[in-house]
Amino acid sequence: MSAGGNPAEDAVICLPSRYYRALPIDDPGYEEETLELPLASTALVGMHCWNIGCPDGPAIDVDFCVGAGWPQSTREAARIMAEVVRPSMDLARRVGLRIVHVETDWMDTQYPHVESRRSSAPAEMHPHQRAMLERAHGIDYMTRSPLASMRRAELVSPQGEEPLFFYSDTLDEDLRRHGIGTLIYMGFMTDMCILAAEGGARQMVARGYRCVLMRDATVGVETPESYPDRLATRYGTHIFEWSLGHSTRFEQFQAAIAATRERDPS
């Protein structure tokens, strides 16, 4: 490793991973694959790490179903940020692996330096659509719920010059400028934003990126009924492993980073 935390040009991490092989459809199953990822062209993505229910954020409000939805997933997301996401970022910083942060433009007032295209005018919607949103999330949830004051959890916020983006195209521009071709995703929520939000895997695969999910660095929007079996988390992970890329675990990432440093301990 070169001085100053910059990756050596030839540094490679050998990351164990798996994916779901769909074919033949009468005998599908998981396949193991070790990905050889050049450190200089790989980035760690922290996705939608909200601070609702965190020490630095708004408290959970039982009259609104927002953020991670129910208390079980909200608490689990906070644990994951502390025990997996932040340690992964610290490892990446030590070896010069690029870190990018992706957030929703709902919080653009919290980050005025980040380009936002969100209209300040209330969106017009059909009364039935409004009724369904209110039923699901609470009346006036965008202005009265914890969403109104949430921001990124301080524990996993950008450090130094690490960038934060709201949109896939601005993220893409930054990644291309730095020669990044592989994205390792951490964050929330597995069954929603990780898959399909701005900066999420589906949009970035369409732009040509190889995507990897750290599957113990995420949780889905679990109801109290689904949480014991992690149904939403498992569903989102399965979709990712089947049609979007590979997955790995924190301990595998940690070991791969350690092995990289052992090969080039300078």
C-alpha atoms as a PDB file:
ATOM      1  CA  MET A   1       0.000   0.000   0.000  1.00  0.00           C
ATOM      2  CA  SER A   2       1.354   3.381  -0.958  1.00  0.00           C
ATOM      3  CA  ALA A   3       1.802   6.131   1.609  1.00  0.00           C
ATOM      4  CA  GLY A   4      -1.116   8.352   2.581  1.00  0.00           C
ATOM      5  CA  GLY A   5      -3.817   5.694   2.264  1.00  0.00           C
ATOM      6  CA  ASN A   6      -3.757   5.690  -1.533  1.00  0.00           C
ATOM      7  CA  PRO A   7      -4.091   2.267  -3.159  1.00  0.00           C
ATOM      8  CA  ALA A   8      -1.083   0.937  -5.022  1.00  0.00           C
ATOM      9  CA  GLU A   9      -1.818   0.742  -8.734  1.00  0.00           C
ATOM     10  CA  ASP A  10      -1.524  -3.050  -8.771  1.00  0.00           C
ATOM     11  CA  ALA A  11      -3.247  -3.741  -5.418  1.00  0.00           C
ATOM     12  CA  VAL A  12      -6.075  -6.271  -5.733  1.00  0.00           C
ATOM     13  CA  ILE A  13      -8.540  -7.559  -3.167  1.00  0.00           C
ATOM     14  CA  CYS A  14      -9.674 -11.152  -3.604  1.00  0.00           C
ATOM     15  CA  LEU A  15     -13.222 -11.022  -2.278  1.00  0.00           C
ATOM     16  CA  PRO A  16     -15.190 -14.252  -1.741  1.00  0.00           C
ATOM     17  CA  SER A  17     -18.752 -13.872  -2.990  1.00  0.00           C
ATOM     18  CA  ARG A  18     -21.802 -15.756  -4.099  1.00  0.00           C
ATOM     19  CA  TYR A  19     -24.598 -15.309  -6.615  1.00  0.00           C
ATOM     20  CA  TYR A  20     -27.843 -17.126  -7.376  1.00  0.00           C
ATOM     21  CA  ARG A  21     -27.629 -19.225 -10.531  1.00  0.00           C
ATOM     22  CA  ALA A  22     -31.078 -19.273 -12.140  1.00  0.00           C
ATOM     23  CA  LEU A  23     -30.357 -21.791 -14.894  1.00  0.00           C
ATOM     24  CA  PRO A  24     -31.288 -24.428 -15.579  1.00  0.00           C
ATOM     25  CA  ILE A  25     -34.528 -23.491 -13.898  1.00  0.00           C
ATOM     26  CA  ASP A  26     -35.150 -27.085 -12.806  1.00  0.00           C
ATOM     27  CA  ASP A  27     -31.883 -27.061 -10.830  1.00  0.00           C
ATOM     28  CA  PRO A  28     -31.014 -23.524  -9.649  1.00  0.00           C
ATOM     29  CA  GLY A  29     -28.717 -22.755  -6.746  1.00  0.00           C
ATOM     30  CA  TYR A  30     -25.978 -20.621  -5.252  1.00  0.00           C
ATOM     31  CA  GLU A  31     -22.537 -20.416  -6.813  1.00  0.00           C
ATOM     32  CA  GLU A  32     -19.389 -19.276  -5.029  1.00  0.00           C
ATOM     33  CA  GLU A  33     -16.960 -16.978  -6.829  1.00  0.00           C
ATOM     34  CA  THR A  34     -13.873 -15.095  -5.683  1.00  0.00           C
ATOM     35  CA  LEU A  35     -13.858 -11.646  -7.255  1.00  0.00           C
ATOM     36  CA  GLU A  36     -10.475 -10.135  -8.013  1.00  0.00           C
ATOM     37  CA  LEU A  37     -11.120  -6.433  -7.549  1.00  0.00           C
ATOM     38  CA  PRO A  38      -8.452  -3.816  -8.266  1.00  0.00           C
ATOM     39  CA  LEU A  39      -8.452  -1.553  -5.229  1.00  0.00           C
ATOM     40  CA  ALA A  40      -8.101   1.564  -7.373  1.00  0.00           C
ATOM     41  CA  SER A  41     -11.255   0.803  -9.400  1.00  0.00           C
ATOM     42  CA  THR A  42     -13.518  -0.354  -6.550  1.00  0.00           C
ATOM     43  CA  ALA A  43     -15.703   1.801  -4.305  1.00  0.00           C
ATOM     44  CA  LEU A  44     -17.654   1.241  -1.107  1.00  0.00           C
ATOM     45  CA  VAL A  45     -21.183   2.687  -1.288  1.00  0.00           C
ATOM     46  CA  GLY A  46     -23.000   3.753   1.882  1.00  0.00           C
ATOM     47  CA  MET A  47     -26.689   3.912   0.934  1.00  0.00           C
ATOM     48  CA  HIS A  48     -29.440   5.744   2.840  1.00  0.00           C
ATOM     49  CA  CYS A  49     -27.963   5.544   6.333  1.00  0.00           C
ATOM     50  CA  TRP A  50     -30.645   7.539   8.125  1.00  0.00           C
ATOM     51  CA  ASN A  51     -30.421   8.692  11.721  1.00  0.00           C
ATOM     52  CA  ILE A  52     -34.036   8.123  12.782  1.00  0.00           C
ATOM     53  CA  GLY A  53     -33.837   6.458  16.180  1.00  0.00           C
ATOM     54  CA  CYS A  54     -30.084   7.093  16.463  1.00  0.00           C
ATOM     55  CA  PRO A  55     -28.538   9.168  19.280  1.00  0.00           C
ATOM     56  CA  ASP A  56     -27.981  12.087  16.878  1.00  0.00           C
ATOM     57  CA  GLY A  57     -31.348  11.837  15.125  1.00  0.00           C
ATOM     58  CA  PRO A  58     -35.091  12.259  15.613  1.00  0.00           C
ATOM     59  CA  ALA A  59     -36.811   9.727  17.810  1.00  0.00           C
ATOM     60  CA  ILE A  60     -39.089   7.033  16.451  1.00  0.00           C
ATOM     61  CA  ASP A  61     -42.651   8.369  16.304  1.00  0.00           C
ATOM     62  CA  VAL A  62     -45.221   5.568  16.543  1.00  0.00           C
ATOM     63  CA  ASP A  63     -47.771   7.663  14.618  1.00  0.00           C
ATOM     64  CA  PHE A  64     -45.666   7.476  11.426  1.00  0.00           C
ATOM     65  CA  CYS A  65     -44.306   4.553   9.427  1.00  0.00           C
ATOM     66  CA  VAL A  66     -41.245   6.104   7.800  1.00  0.00           C
ATOM     67  CA  GLY A  67     -37.555   5.407   7.368  1.00  0.00           C
ATOM     68  CA  ALA A  68     -37.039   1.748   8.212  1.00  0.00           C
ATOM     69  CA  GLY A  69     -40.738   1.525   8.988  1.00  0.00           C
ATOM     70  CA  TRP A  70     -41.160  -0.343  12.250  1.00  0.00           C
ATOM     71  CA  PRO A  71     -39.015  -0.204  15.405  1.00  0.00           C
ATOM     72  CA  GLN A  72     -37.462  -3.632  14.857  1.00  0.00           C
ATOM     73  CA  SER A  73     -35.820  -2.694  11.551  1.00  0.00           C
ATOM     74  CA  THR A  74     -34.948   0.785  12.807  1.00  0.00           C
ATOM     75  CA  ARG A  75     -33.039  -0.642  15.750  1.00  0.00           C
ATOM     76  CA  GLU A  76     -31.392  -3.264  13.565  1.00  0.00           C
ATOM     77  CA  ALA A  77     -30.249  -0.615  11.079  1.00  0.00           C
ATOM     78  CA  ALA A  78     -28.645   1.345  13.921  1.00  0.00           C
ATOM     79  CA  ARG A  79     -26.827  -1.783  15.096  1.00  0.00           C
ATOM     80  CA  ILE A  80     -25.624  -2.562  11.573  1.00  0.00           C
ATOM     81  CA  MET A  81     -24.311   0.963  11.077  1.00  0.00           C
ATOM     82  CA  ALA A  82     -22.316   0.719  14.304  1.00  0.00           C
ATOM     83  CA  GLU A  83     -21.064  -2.858  13.971  1.00  0.00           C
ATOM     84  CA  VAL A  84     -20.661  -3.337  10.209  1.00  0.00           C
ATOM     85  CA  VAL A  85     -20.997  -0.177   8.099  1.00  0.00           C
ATOM     86  CA  ARG A  86     -18.669   2.054  10.114  1.00  0.00           C
ATOM     87  CA  PRO A  87     -15.983  -0.639  10.578  1.00  0.00           C
ATOM     88  CA  SER A  88     -16.119  -1.354   6.826  1.00  0.00           C
ATOM     89  CA  MET A  89     -15.644   2.329   6.083  1.00  0.00           C
ATOM     90  CA  ASP A  90     -12.722   2.521   8.498  1.00  0.00           C
ATOM     91  CA  LEU A  91     -11.057  -0.445   6.770  1.00  0.00           C
ATOM     92  CA  ALA A  92     -11.600   1.171   3.391  1.00  0.00           C
ATOM     93  CA  ARG A  93     -10.105   4.450   4.578  1.00  0.00           C
ATOM     94  CA  ARG A  94      -6.974   2.705   5.809  1.00  0.00           C
ATOM     95  CA  VAL A  95      -6.219   1.159   2.430  1.00  0.00           C
ATOM     96  CA  GLY A  96      -7.397   3.999   0.196  1.00  0.00           C
ATOM     97  CA  LEU A  97     -10.557   2.294  -1.096  1.00  0.00           C
ATOM     98  CA  ARG A  98     -12.872   5.033  -2.350  1.00  0.00           C
ATOM     99  CA  ILE A  99     -16.041   5.642  -0.313  1.00  0.00           C
ATOM    100  CA  VAL A 100     -19.109   7.331  -1.755  1.00  0.00           C
ATOM    101  CA  HIS A 101     -22.294   8.180   0.107  1.00  0.00           C
ATOM    102  CA  VAL A 102     -25.790   8.153  -1.415  1.00  0.00           C
ATOM    103  CA  GLU A 103     -28.800   9.828   0.146  1.00  0.00           C
ATOM    104  CA  THR A 104     -32.323  10.844  -0.739  1.00  0.00           C
ATOM    105  CA  ASP A 105     -32.974  14.402  -1.857  1.00  0.00           C
ATOM    106  CA  TRP A 106     -35.709  14.575   0.776  1.00  0.00           C
ATOM    107  CA  MET A 107     -32.923  15.784   3.051  1.00  0.00           C
ATOM    108  CA  ASP A 108     -31.564  18.431   0.677  1.00  0.00           C
ATOM    109  CA  THR A 109     -32.164  21.202   3.217  1.00  0.00           C
ATOM    110  CA  GLN A 110     -29.699  19.370   5.494  1.00  0.00           C
ATOM    111  CA  TYR A 111     -27.070  19.288   2.722  1.00  0.00           C
ATOM    112  CA  PRO A 112     -27.354  22.555   0.772  1.00  0.00           C
ATOM    113  CA  HIS A 113     -23.947  21.960  -0.858  1.00  0.00           C
ATOM    114  CA  VAL A 114     -25.240  18.839  -2.664  1.00  0.00           C
ATOM    115  CA  GLU A 115     -26.993  19.332  -6.006  1.00  0.00           C
ATOM    116  CA  SER A 116     -30.757  18.834  -5.637  1.00  0.00           C
ATOM    117  CA  ARG A 117     -33.502  18.835  -8.277  1.00  0.00           C
ATOM    118  CA  ARG A 118     -36.351  18.374  -5.850  1.00  0.00           C
ATOM    119  CA  SER A 119     -39.198  20.798  -6.364  1.00  0.00           C
ATOM    120  CA  SER A 120     -40.296  22.764  -3.340  1.00  0.00           C
ATOM    121  CA  ALA A 121     -43.871  22.811  -4.670  1.00  0.00           C
ATOM    122  CA  PRO A 122     -46.139  20.075  -3.262  1.00  0.00           C
ATOM    123  CA  ALA A 123     -46.608  17.262  -5.742  1.00  0.00           C
ATOM    124  CA  GLU A 124     -50.080  16.974  -7.171  1.00  0.00           C
ATOM    125  CA  MET A 125     -51.619  13.568  -6.736  1.00  0.00           C
ATOM    126  CA  HIS A 126     -54.914  11.800  -7.113  1.00  0.00           C
ATOM    127  CA  PRO A 127     -56.971  11.772  -3.899  1.00  0.00           C
ATOM    128  CA  HIS A 128     -56.833   7.969  -3.829  1.00  0.00           C
ATOM    129  CA  GLN A 129     -53.039   8.033  -4.072  1.00  0.00           C
ATOM    130  CA  ARG A 130     -52.879  10.533  -1.230  1.00  0.00           C
ATOM    131  CA  ALA A 131     -55.202   8.418   0.864  1.00  0.00           C
ATOM    132  CA  MET A 132     -53.038   5.330   0.331  1.00  0.00           C
ATOM    133  CA  LEU A 133     -49.859   7.210   1.254  1.00  0.00           C
ATOM    134  CA  GLU A 134     -51.463   8.567   4.385  1.00  0.00           C
ATOM    135  CA  ARG A 135     -52.720   5.117   5.298  1.00  0.00           C
ATOM    136  CA  ALA A 136     -49.252   3.658   4.853  1.00  0.00           C
ATOM    137  CA  HIS A 137     -47.120   6.399   6.375  1.00  0.00           C
ATOM    138  CA  GLY A 138     -49.304   8.844   8.344  1.00  0.00           C
ATOM    139  CA  ILE A 139     -51.010  12.156   7.590  1.00  0.00           C
ATOM    140  CA  ASP A 140     -48.594  14.857   6.372  1.00  0.00           C
ATOM    141  CA  TYR A 141     -45.703  12.474   6.983  1.00  0.00           C
ATOM    142  CA  MET A 142     -43.288  14.439   4.799  1.00  0.00           C
ATOM    143  CA  THR A 143     -43.562  17.492   7.048  1.00  0.00           C
ATOM    144  CA  ARG A 144     -44.637  16.114  10.438  1.00  0.00           C
ATOM    145  CA  SER A 145     -42.803  12.811  10.767  1.00  0.00           C
ATOM    146  CA  PRO A 146     -39.123  12.171  11.592  1.00  0.00           C
ATOM    147  CA  LEU A 147     -38.438  12.421   7.843  1.00  0.00           C
ATOM    148  CA  ALA A 148     -38.694  16.193   8.150  1.00  0.00           C
ATOM    149  CA  SER A 149     -35.553  16.477  10.279  1.00  0.00           C
ATOM    150  CA  MET A 150     -33.615  13.318   9.491  1.00  0.00           C
ATOM    151  CA  ARG A 151     -30.120  13.360   8.044  1.00  0.00           C
ATOM    152  CA  ARG A 152     -27.348  10.843   7.621  1.00  0.00           C
ATOM    153  CA  ALA A 153     -26.315   9.170  10.866  1.00  0.00           C
ATOM    154  CA  GLU A 154     -23.209  10.939  12.143  1.00  0.00           C
ATOM    155  CA  LEU A 155     -21.441   7.634  12.725  1.00  0.00           C
ATOM    156  CA  VAL A 156     -21.383   6.885   8.977  1.00  0.00           C
ATOM    157  CA  SER A 157     -21.320  10.402   7.556  1.00  0.00           C
ATOM    158  CA  PRO A 158     -18.712  11.450   4.971  1.00  0.00           C
ATOM    159  CA  GLN A 159     -15.253  12.204   6.275  1.00  0.00           C
ATOM    160  CA  GLY A 160     -12.760  14.532   4.652  1.00  0.00           C
ATOM    161  CA  GLU A 161     -13.453  14.845   0.926  1.00  0.00           C
ATOM    162  CA  GLU A 162     -15.711  11.803   0.635  1.00  0.00           C
ATOM    163  CA  PRO A 163     -18.605  12.821  -1.637  1.00  0.00           C
ATOM    164  CA  LEU A 164     -22.343  12.540  -1.089  1.00  0.00           C
ATOM    165  CA  PHE A 165     -24.823  12.285  -3.965  1.00  0.00           C
ATOM    166  CA  PHE A 166     -28.579  12.328  -4.439  1.00  0.00           C
ATOM    167  CA  TYR A 167     -28.729  11.071  -8.030  1.00  0.00           C
ATOM    168  CA  SER A 168     -27.470   8.216 -10.168  1.00  0.00           C
ATOM    169  CA  ASP A 169     -26.077  10.435 -12.917  1.00  0.00           C
ATOM    170  CA  THR A 170     -23.995  12.622 -10.602  1.00  0.00           C
ATOM    171  CA  LEU A 171     -22.744   9.514  -8.811  1.00  0.00           C
ATOM    172  CA  ASP A 172     -21.895   7.984 -12.182  1.00  0.00           C
ATOM    173  CA  GLU A 173     -19.926  11.070 -13.235  1.00  0.00           C
ATOM    174  CA  ASP A 174     -17.820  10.924 -10.085  1.00  0.00           C
ATOM    175  CA  LEU A 175     -17.176   7.194 -10.370  1.00  0.00           C
ATOM    176  CA  ARG A 176     -16.126   7.456 -14.016  1.00  0.00           C
ATOM    177  CA  ARG A 177     -13.838  10.354 -13.213  1.00  0.00           C
ATOM    178  CA  HIS A 178     -12.059   8.153 -10.673  1.00  0.00           C
ATOM    179  CA  GLY A 179     -11.995   5.035 -12.848  1.00  0.00           C
ATOM    180  CA  ILE A 180     -14.376   3.035 -10.646  1.00  0.00           C
ATOM    181  CA  GLY A 181     -16.007  -0.067 -12.110  1.00  0.00           C
ATOM    182  CA  THR A 182     -17.137  -2.084  -9.067  1.00  0.00           C
ATOM    183  CA  LEU A 183     -19.472  -0.980  -6.268  1.00  0.00           C
ATOM    184  CA  ILE A 184     -19.783  -2.707  -2.891  1.00  0.00           C
ATOM    185  CA  TYR A 185     -23.122  -1.741  -1.341  1.00  0.00           C
ATOM    186  CA  MET A 186     -23.957  -1.283   2.328  1.00  0.00           C
ATOM    187  CA  GLY A 187     -27.004   0.411   3.799  1.00  0.00           C
ATOM    188  CA  PHE A 188     -30.763   0.465   3.571  1.00  0.00           C
ATOM    189  CA  MET A 189     -33.280  -0.765   2.815  1.00  0.00           C
ATOM    190  CA  THR A 190     -32.477  -4.150   1.237  1.00  0.00           C
ATOM    191  CA  ASP A 191     -35.823  -4.680  -0.480  1.00  0.00           C
ATOM    192  CA  MET A 192     -36.310  -1.095  -1.649  1.00  0.00           C
ATOM    193  CA  CYS A 193     -33.606   1.572  -1.981  1.00  0.00           C
ATOM    194  CA  ILE A 194     -30.625  -0.778  -2.359  1.00  0.00           C
ATOM    195  CA  LEU A 195     -32.370  -2.274  -5.377  1.00  0.00           C
ATOM    196  CA  ALA A 196     -34.120   0.606  -7.064  1.00  0.00           C
ATOM    197  CA  ALA A 197     -33.488   4.090  -5.616  1.00  0.00           C
ATOM    198  CA  GLU A 198     -31.311   6.741  -7.202  1.00  0.00           C
ATOM    199  CA  GLY A 199     -27.772   5.411  -6.907  1.00  0.00           C
ATOM    200  CA  GLY A 200     -29.057   1.908  -6.172  1.00  0.00           C
ATOM    201  CA  ALA A 201     -27.863  -1.266  -7.831  1.00  0.00           C
ATOM    202  CA  ARG A 202     -30.460  -1.505 -10.598  1.00  0.00           C
ATOM    203  CA  GLN A 203     -29.635   1.951 -11.904  1.00  0.00           C
ATOM    204  CA  MET A 204     -25.896   1.454 -11.617  1.00  0.00           C
ATOM    205  CA  VAL A 205     -25.903  -1.982 -13.288  1.00  0.00           C
ATOM    206  CA  ALA A 206     -27.675  -0.292 -16.198  1.00  0.00           C
ATOM    207  CA  ARG A 207     -24.708   2.086 -16.399  1.00  0.00           C
ATOM    208  CA  GLY A 208     -22.238  -0.784 -16.592  1.00  0.00           C
ATOM    209  CA  TYR A 209     -21.071  -1.225 -13.000  1.00  0.00           C
ATOM    210  CA  ARG A 210     -20.431  -4.547 -11.311  1.00  0.00           C
ATOM    211  CA  CYS A 211     -22.360  -4.518  -8.036  1.00  0.00           C
ATOM    212  CA  VAL A 212     -21.745  -6.448  -4.827  1.00  0.00           C
ATOM    213  CA  LEU A 213     -23.991  -6.429  -1.749  1.00  0.00           C
ATOM    214  CA  MET A 214     -22.527  -6.850   1.734  1.00  0.00           C
ATOM    215  CA  ARG A 215     -25.467  -8.847   2.958  1.00  0.00           C
ATOM    216  CA  ASP A 216     -24.897  -8.410   6.692  1.00  0.00           C
ATOM    217  CA  ALA A 217     -24.567  -4.653   6.180  1.00  0.00           C
ATOM    218  CA  THR A 218     -28.242  -4.204   5.335  1.00  0.00           C
ATOM    219  CA  VAL A 219     -31.771  -4.910   6.523  1.00  0.00           C
ATOM    220  CA  GLY A 220     -35.115  -4.637   4.776  1.00  0.00           C
ATOM    221  CA  VAL A 221     -38.328  -2.886   5.756  1.00  0.00           C
ATOM    222  CA  GLU A 222     -39.609  -5.588   8.075  1.00  0.00           C
ATOM    223  CA  THR A 223     -43.019  -5.547   9.717  1.00  0.00           C
ATOM    224  CA  PRO A 224     -43.277  -6.991  13.230  1.00  0.00           C
ATOM    225  CA  GLU A 225     -44.631 -10.142  11.568  1.00  0.00           C
ATOM    226  CA  SER A 226     -41.828 -10.488   9.000  1.00  0.00           C
ATOM    227  CA  TYR A 227     -38.897  -9.443  11.181  1.00  0.00           C
ATOM    228  CA  PRO A 228     -38.250 -12.762  12.983  1.00  0.00           C
ATOM    229  CA  ASP A 229     -37.581 -14.484   9.629  1.00  0.00           C
ATOM    230  CA  ARG A 230     -36.167 -11.356   7.915  1.00  0.00           C
ATOM    231  CA  LEU A 231     -38.495 -11.938   4.962  1.00  0.00           C
ATOM    232  CA  ALA A 232     -38.004  -8.514   3.348  1.00  0.00           C
ATOM    233  CA  THR A 233     -34.232  -8.671   3.856  1.00  0.00           C
ATOM    234  CA  ARG A 234     -33.997 -12.126   2.370  1.00  0.00           C
ATOM    235  CA  TYR A 235     -36.217 -11.144  -0.567  1.00  0.00           C
ATOM    236  CA  GLY A 236     -34.122  -8.085  -1.415  1.00  0.00           C
ATOM    237  CA  THR A 237     -30.890 -10.043  -1.070  1.00  0.00           C
ATOM    238  CA  HIS A 238     -32.237 -12.797  -3.311  1.00  0.00           C
ATOM    239  CA  ILE A 239     -33.240 -10.320  -6.043  1.00  0.00           C
ATOM    240  CA  PHE A 240     -29.785  -8.736  -5.854  1.00  0.00           C
ATOM    241  CA  GLU A 241     -27.927 -12.054  -5.999  1.00  0.00           C
ATOM    242  CA  TRP A 242     -30.122 -13.342  -8.820  1.00  0.00           C
ATOM    243  CA  SER A 243     -30.328 -10.425 -11.213  1.00  0.00           C
ATOM    244  CA  LEU A 244     -27.992  -7.607 -10.153  1.00  0.00           C
ATOM    245  CA  GLY A 245     -24.685  -8.990  -8.972  1.00  0.00           C
ATOM    246  CA  HIS A 246     -22.902 -10.825  -6.185  1.00  0.00           C
ATOM    247  CA  SER A 247     -22.988 -10.708  -2.405  1.00  0.00           C
ATOM    248  CA  THR A 248     -20.397 -11.008   0.327  1.00  0.00           C
ATOM    249  CA  ARG A 249     -20.192 -10.668   4.103  1.00  0.00           C
ATOM    250  CA  PHE A 250     -18.318  -8.279   6.368  1.00  0.00           C
ATOM    251  CA  GLU A 251     -15.943 -10.937   7.668  1.00  0.00           C
ATOM    252  CA  GLN A 252     -15.039 -11.836   4.074  1.00  0.00           C
ATOM    253  CA  PHE A 253     -14.471  -8.187   3.183  1.00  0.00           C
ATOM    254  CA  GLN A 254     -12.384  -7.719   6.329  1.00  0.00           C
ATOM    255  CA  ALA A 255     -10.225 -10.755   5.532  1.00  0.00           C
ATOM    256  CA  ALA A 256      -9.784  -9.681   1.907  1.00  0.00           C
ATOM    257  CA  ILE A 257      -8.613  -6.216   2.962  1.00  0.00           C
ATOM    258  CA  ALA A 258      -6.215  -7.737   5.518  1.00  0.00           C
ATOM    259  CA  ALA A 259      -4.786 -10.095   2.888  1.00  0.00           C
ATOM    260  CA  THR A 260      -4.274  -7.192   0.505  1.00  0.00           C
ATOM    261  CA  ARG A 261      -2.284  -5.332   3.122  1.00  0.00           C
ATOM    262  CA  GLU A 262      -0.209  -8.454   3.873  1.00  0.00           C
ATOM    263  CA  ARG A 263       0.716  -8.809   0.210  1.00  0.00           C
ATOM    264  CA  ASP A 264       1.860  -5.189   0.087  1.00  0.00           C
ATOM    265  CA  PRO A 265       2.529  -4.140   3.693  1.00  0.00           C
ATOM    266  CA  SER A 266       4.269  -0.874   2.776  1.00  0.00           C
END
